[in-house]
Amino acid sequence: MSYTVEPRVDAYIDALPAWQQAICREVRELVHAADPEVVETIKRTRQPYFVLEGNICALLAAKDHVNVFVYDGGIVPDPEGIITAGHDNKTARTVAFREGEPINAPALTAMFRQIIANNRAGGWRKLKRDGQA
């Protein structure tokens, strides 16, 4: 897939151990595959974000895993149970990946697509406020 990369996102990923780089690159591919208009940026000084009419997700490498924060206000269904933390969080939930764990690409892509659709419909806050969530 062809998309415009943000050099600062590359720098963030390139500084990680190889197994974390692989996870981040796969997630990057999946979020861009969800919609060709997804844009990469850096927020909070160094954290990679993927946005389209609002936040979709962010990457944060930790010592023994990589967190993918999905910005959905907790309204996107998770039928395959990929969310690992933040179930009661009002802004974002987390999908954590550890070394050697496979990424459930279909489930994560479906979540990205729903978040993007919600963003285009005004965002999860508006959807919750209007009772559409």
C-alpha atoms as a PDB file:
ATOM      1  CA  MET A   1       0.000   0.000   0.000  1.00  0.00           C
ATOM      2  CA  SER A   2       1.188   3.483  -0.787  1.00  0.00           C
ATOM      3  CA  TYR A   3       0.798   6.311   1.714  1.00  0.00           C
ATOM      4  CA  THR A   4       2.674   9.361   2.912  1.00  0.00           C
ATOM      5  CA  VAL A   5       4.875   8.647   5.900  1.00  0.00           C
ATOM      6  CA  GLU A   6       5.709  11.135   8.608  1.00  0.00           C
ATOM      7  CA  PRO A   7       9.504  11.048   9.108  1.00  0.00           C
ATOM      8  CA  ARG A   8       9.087  11.549  12.868  1.00  0.00           C
ATOM      9  CA  VAL A   9       6.924   8.411  13.021  1.00  0.00           C
ATOM     10  CA  ASP A  10       9.674   6.549  11.151  1.00  0.00           C
ATOM     11  CA  ALA A  11      12.222   7.857  13.665  1.00  0.00           C
ATOM     12  CA  TYR A  12      10.068   6.685  16.591  1.00  0.00           C
ATOM     13  CA  ILE A  13       9.671   3.202  15.116  1.00  0.00           C
ATOM     14  CA  ASP A  14      13.301   2.889  13.989  1.00  0.00           C
ATOM     15  CA  ALA A  15      14.526   3.535  17.558  1.00  0.00           C
ATOM     16  CA  LEU A  16      12.643   0.500  18.921  1.00  0.00           C
ATOM     17  CA  PRO A  17      13.823  -3.112  19.267  1.00  0.00           C
ATOM     18  CA  ALA A  18      13.191  -5.172  16.122  1.00  0.00           C
ATOM     19  CA  TRP A  19      10.144  -7.011  17.505  1.00  0.00           C
ATOM     20  CA  GLN A  20       8.462  -3.721  18.484  1.00  0.00           C
ATOM     21  CA  GLN A  21       9.314  -2.227  15.106  1.00  0.00           C
ATOM     22  CA  ALA A  22       7.548  -5.154  13.430  1.00  0.00           C
ATOM     23  CA  ILE A  23       4.398  -4.644  15.514  1.00  0.00           C
ATOM     24  CA  CYS A  24       4.345  -0.889  14.899  1.00  0.00           C
ATOM     25  CA  ARG A  25       4.875  -1.327  11.169  1.00  0.00           C
ATOM     26  CA  GLU A  26       2.091  -3.885  10.916  1.00  0.00           C
ATOM     27  CA  VAL A  27      -0.333  -1.638  12.821  1.00  0.00           C
ATOM     28  CA  ARG A  28       0.715   1.280  10.607  1.00  0.00           C
ATOM     29  CA  GLU A  29      -0.065  -0.777   7.499  1.00  0.00           C
ATOM     30  CA  LEU A  30      -3.442  -1.821   8.894  1.00  0.00           C
ATOM     31  CA  VAL A  31      -4.580   1.687   9.807  1.00  0.00           C
ATOM     32  CA  HIS A  32      -3.565   3.028   6.392  1.00  0.00           C
ATOM     33  CA  ALA A  33      -5.287   0.077   4.699  1.00  0.00           C
ATOM     34  CA  ALA A  34      -8.472   0.927   6.607  1.00  0.00           C
ATOM     35  CA  ASP A  35      -8.717   4.210   4.680  1.00  0.00           C
ATOM     36  CA  PRO A  36      -6.312   5.806   2.191  1.00  0.00           C
ATOM     37  CA  GLU A  37      -6.917   9.268   3.689  1.00  0.00           C
ATOM     38  CA  VAL A  38      -5.372   8.401   7.089  1.00  0.00           C
ATOM     39  CA  VAL A  39      -2.622  10.842   8.058  1.00  0.00           C
ATOM     40  CA  GLU A  40       0.329  10.262  10.381  1.00  0.00           C
ATOM     41  CA  THR A  41       1.425  12.853  12.898  1.00  0.00           C
ATOM     42  CA  ILE A  42       3.254  13.247  16.195  1.00  0.00           C
ATOM     43  CA  LYS A  43       1.474  14.445  19.325  1.00  0.00           C
ATOM     44  CA  ARG A  44       2.674  14.788  22.909  1.00  0.00           C
ATOM     45  CA  THR A  45       6.183  15.576  21.618  1.00  0.00           C
ATOM     46  CA  ARG A  46       7.039  12.120  20.251  1.00  0.00           C
ATOM     47  CA  GLN A  47       4.032   9.776  20.151  1.00  0.00           C
ATOM     48  CA  PRO A  48       2.840   8.550  16.720  1.00  0.00           C
ATOM     49  CA  TYR A  49      -0.839   9.196  16.004  1.00  0.00           C
ATOM     50  CA  PHE A  50      -2.958   8.217  13.041  1.00  0.00           C
ATOM     51  CA  VAL A  51      -5.799  10.618  12.332  1.00  0.00           C
ATOM     52  CA  LEU A  52      -8.680  11.223   9.954  1.00  0.00           C
ATOM     53  CA  GLU A  53     -11.219  13.826  11.040  1.00  0.00           C
ATOM     54  CA  GLY A  54     -10.113  12.937  14.578  1.00  0.00           C
ATOM     55  CA  ASN A  55      -7.808  10.503  16.316  1.00  0.00           C
ATOM     56  CA  ILE A  56      -7.958   6.878  15.205  1.00  0.00           C
ATOM     57  CA  CYS A  57      -5.099   5.355  17.178  1.00  0.00           C
ATOM     58  CA  ALA A  58      -1.707   6.014  18.718  1.00  0.00           C
ATOM     59  CA  LEU A  59       1.365   3.865  19.309  1.00  0.00           C
ATOM     60  CA  LEU A  60       3.282   3.653  22.551  1.00  0.00           C
ATOM     61  CA  ALA A  61       6.092   1.159  23.031  1.00  0.00           C
ATOM     62  CA  ALA A  62       6.577  -0.058  26.596  1.00  0.00           C
ATOM     63  CA  LYS A  63       9.313  -2.290  28.001  1.00  0.00           C
ATOM     64  CA  ASP A  64       7.645  -5.623  27.198  1.00  0.00           C
ATOM     65  CA  HIS A  65       4.798  -4.711  24.827  1.00  0.00           C
ATOM     66  CA  VAL A  66       3.413  -2.175  22.383  1.00  0.00           C
ATOM     67  CA  ASN A  67       0.191  -0.348  23.220  1.00  0.00           C
ATOM     68  CA  VAL A  68      -2.167   0.651  20.442  1.00  0.00           C
ATOM     69  CA  PHE A  69      -4.578   3.209  21.861  1.00  0.00           C
ATOM     70  CA  VAL A  70      -7.859   3.197  19.921  1.00  0.00           C
ATOM     71  CA  TYR A  71      -9.731   6.481  20.255  1.00  0.00           C
ATOM     72  CA  ASP A  72     -13.346   5.404  20.193  1.00  0.00           C
ATOM     73  CA  GLY A  73     -14.852   6.475  23.499  1.00  0.00           C
ATOM     74  CA  GLY A  74     -15.587   2.817  24.149  1.00  0.00           C
ATOM     75  CA  ILE A  75     -18.369   2.665  21.554  1.00  0.00           C
ATOM     76  CA  VAL A  76     -16.824   0.484  18.850  1.00  0.00           C
ATOM     77  CA  PRO A  77     -17.792  -3.175  19.246  1.00  0.00           C
ATOM     78  CA  ASP A  78     -15.046  -5.639  20.151  1.00  0.00           C
ATOM     79  CA  PRO A  79     -16.627  -9.007  19.284  1.00  0.00           C
ATOM     80  CA  GLU A  80     -13.258 -10.798  19.157  1.00  0.00           C
ATOM     81  CA  GLY A  81     -12.071  -9.443  22.513  1.00  0.00           C
ATOM     82  CA  ILE A  82      -8.879  -7.769  21.305  1.00  0.00           C
ATOM     83  CA  ILE A  83      -9.135  -4.845  23.764  1.00  0.00           C
ATOM     84  CA  THR A  84      -6.751  -5.569  26.632  1.00  0.00           C
ATOM     85  CA  ALA A  85      -7.222  -2.497  28.855  1.00  0.00           C
ATOM     86  CA  GLY A  86      -9.184   0.686  29.326  1.00  0.00           C
ATOM     87  CA  HIS A  87     -12.613  -0.921  29.131  1.00  0.00           C
ATOM     88  CA  ASP A  88     -14.049   1.835  31.332  1.00  0.00           C
ATOM     89  CA  ASN A  89     -11.922   4.628  29.860  1.00  0.00           C
ATOM     90  CA  LYS A  90     -14.024   7.470  28.495  1.00  0.00           C
ATOM     91  CA  THR A  91     -11.655   8.345  25.618  1.00  0.00           C
ATOM     92  CA  ALA A  92      -9.475   5.448  24.486  1.00  0.00           C
ATOM     93  CA  ARG A  93      -9.047   1.744  25.019  1.00  0.00           C
ATOM     94  CA  THR A  94      -5.865  -0.258  24.566  1.00  0.00           C
ATOM     95  CA  VAL A  95      -4.820  -3.243  22.505  1.00  0.00           C
ATOM     96  CA  ALA A  96      -1.459  -4.469  23.829  1.00  0.00           C
ATOM     97  CA  PHE A  97       0.853  -6.702  21.809  1.00  0.00           C
ATOM     98  CA  ARG A  98       3.763  -8.628  23.271  1.00  0.00           C
ATOM     99  CA  GLU A  99       6.712 -10.132  21.453  1.00  0.00           C
ATOM    100  CA  GLY A 100       5.652 -13.130  19.383  1.00  0.00           C
ATOM    101  CA  GLU A 101       1.919 -12.493  19.704  1.00  0.00           C
ATOM    102  CA  PRO A 102       0.031 -12.349  16.414  1.00  0.00           C
ATOM    103  CA  ILE A 103      -2.035  -9.302  15.538  1.00  0.00           C
ATOM    104  CA  ASN A 104      -5.672 -10.074  14.793  1.00  0.00           C
ATOM    105  CA  ALA A 105      -5.586  -7.986  11.616  1.00  0.00           C
ATOM    106  CA  PRO A 106      -9.244  -8.445  10.605  1.00  0.00           C
ATOM    107  CA  ALA A 107     -10.532  -7.435  14.053  1.00  0.00           C
ATOM    108  CA  LEU A 108      -8.181  -4.458  14.407  1.00  0.00           C
ATOM    109  CA  THR A 109      -8.921  -3.272  10.863  1.00  0.00           C
ATOM    110  CA  ALA A 110     -12.668  -3.501  11.522  1.00  0.00           C
ATOM    111  CA  MET A 111     -12.217  -1.335  14.624  1.00  0.00           C
ATOM    112  CA  PHE A 112     -10.162   1.205  12.673  1.00  0.00           C
ATOM    113  CA  ARG A 113     -12.830   1.379   9.959  1.00  0.00           C
ATOM    114  CA  GLN A 114     -15.602   1.918  12.505  1.00  0.00           C
ATOM    115  CA  ILE A 115     -13.598   4.632  14.297  1.00  0.00           C
ATOM    116  CA  ILE A 116     -13.017   6.376  10.963  1.00  0.00           C
ATOM    117  CA  ALA A 117     -16.738   6.144  10.122  1.00  0.00           C
ATOM    118  CA  ASN A 118     -17.581   7.566  13.552  1.00  0.00           C
ATOM    119  CA  ASN A 119     -15.057  10.381  13.063  1.00  0.00           C
ATOM    120  CA  ARG A 120     -16.679  11.237   9.734  1.00  0.00           C
ATOM    121  CA  ALA A 121     -20.078  11.258  11.438  1.00  0.00           C
ATOM    122  CA  GLY A 122     -18.864  13.906  13.890  1.00  0.00           C
ATOM    123  CA  GLY A 123     -16.824  11.830  16.331  1.00  0.00           C
ATOM    124  CA  TRP A 124     -17.640   9.496  19.190  1.00  0.00           C
ATOM    125  CA  ARG A 125     -18.436  12.365  21.578  1.00  0.00           C
ATOM    126  CA  LYS A 126     -21.131  13.679  19.236  1.00  0.00           C
ATOM    127  CA  LEU A 127     -22.482  10.186  18.615  1.00  0.00           C
ATOM    128  CA  LYS A 128     -22.743   9.553  22.365  1.00  0.00           C
ATOM    129  CA  ARG A 129     -24.304  12.955  22.989  1.00  0.00           C
ATOM    130  CA  ASP A 130     -26.885  12.408  20.241  1.00  0.00           C
ATOM    131  CA  GLY A 131     -27.656   8.889  21.472  1.00  0.00           C
ATOM    132  CA  GLN A 132     -26.358   7.238  18.302  1.00  0.00           C
ATOM    133  CA  ALA A 133     -23.726   5.172  20.075  1.00  0.00           C
END
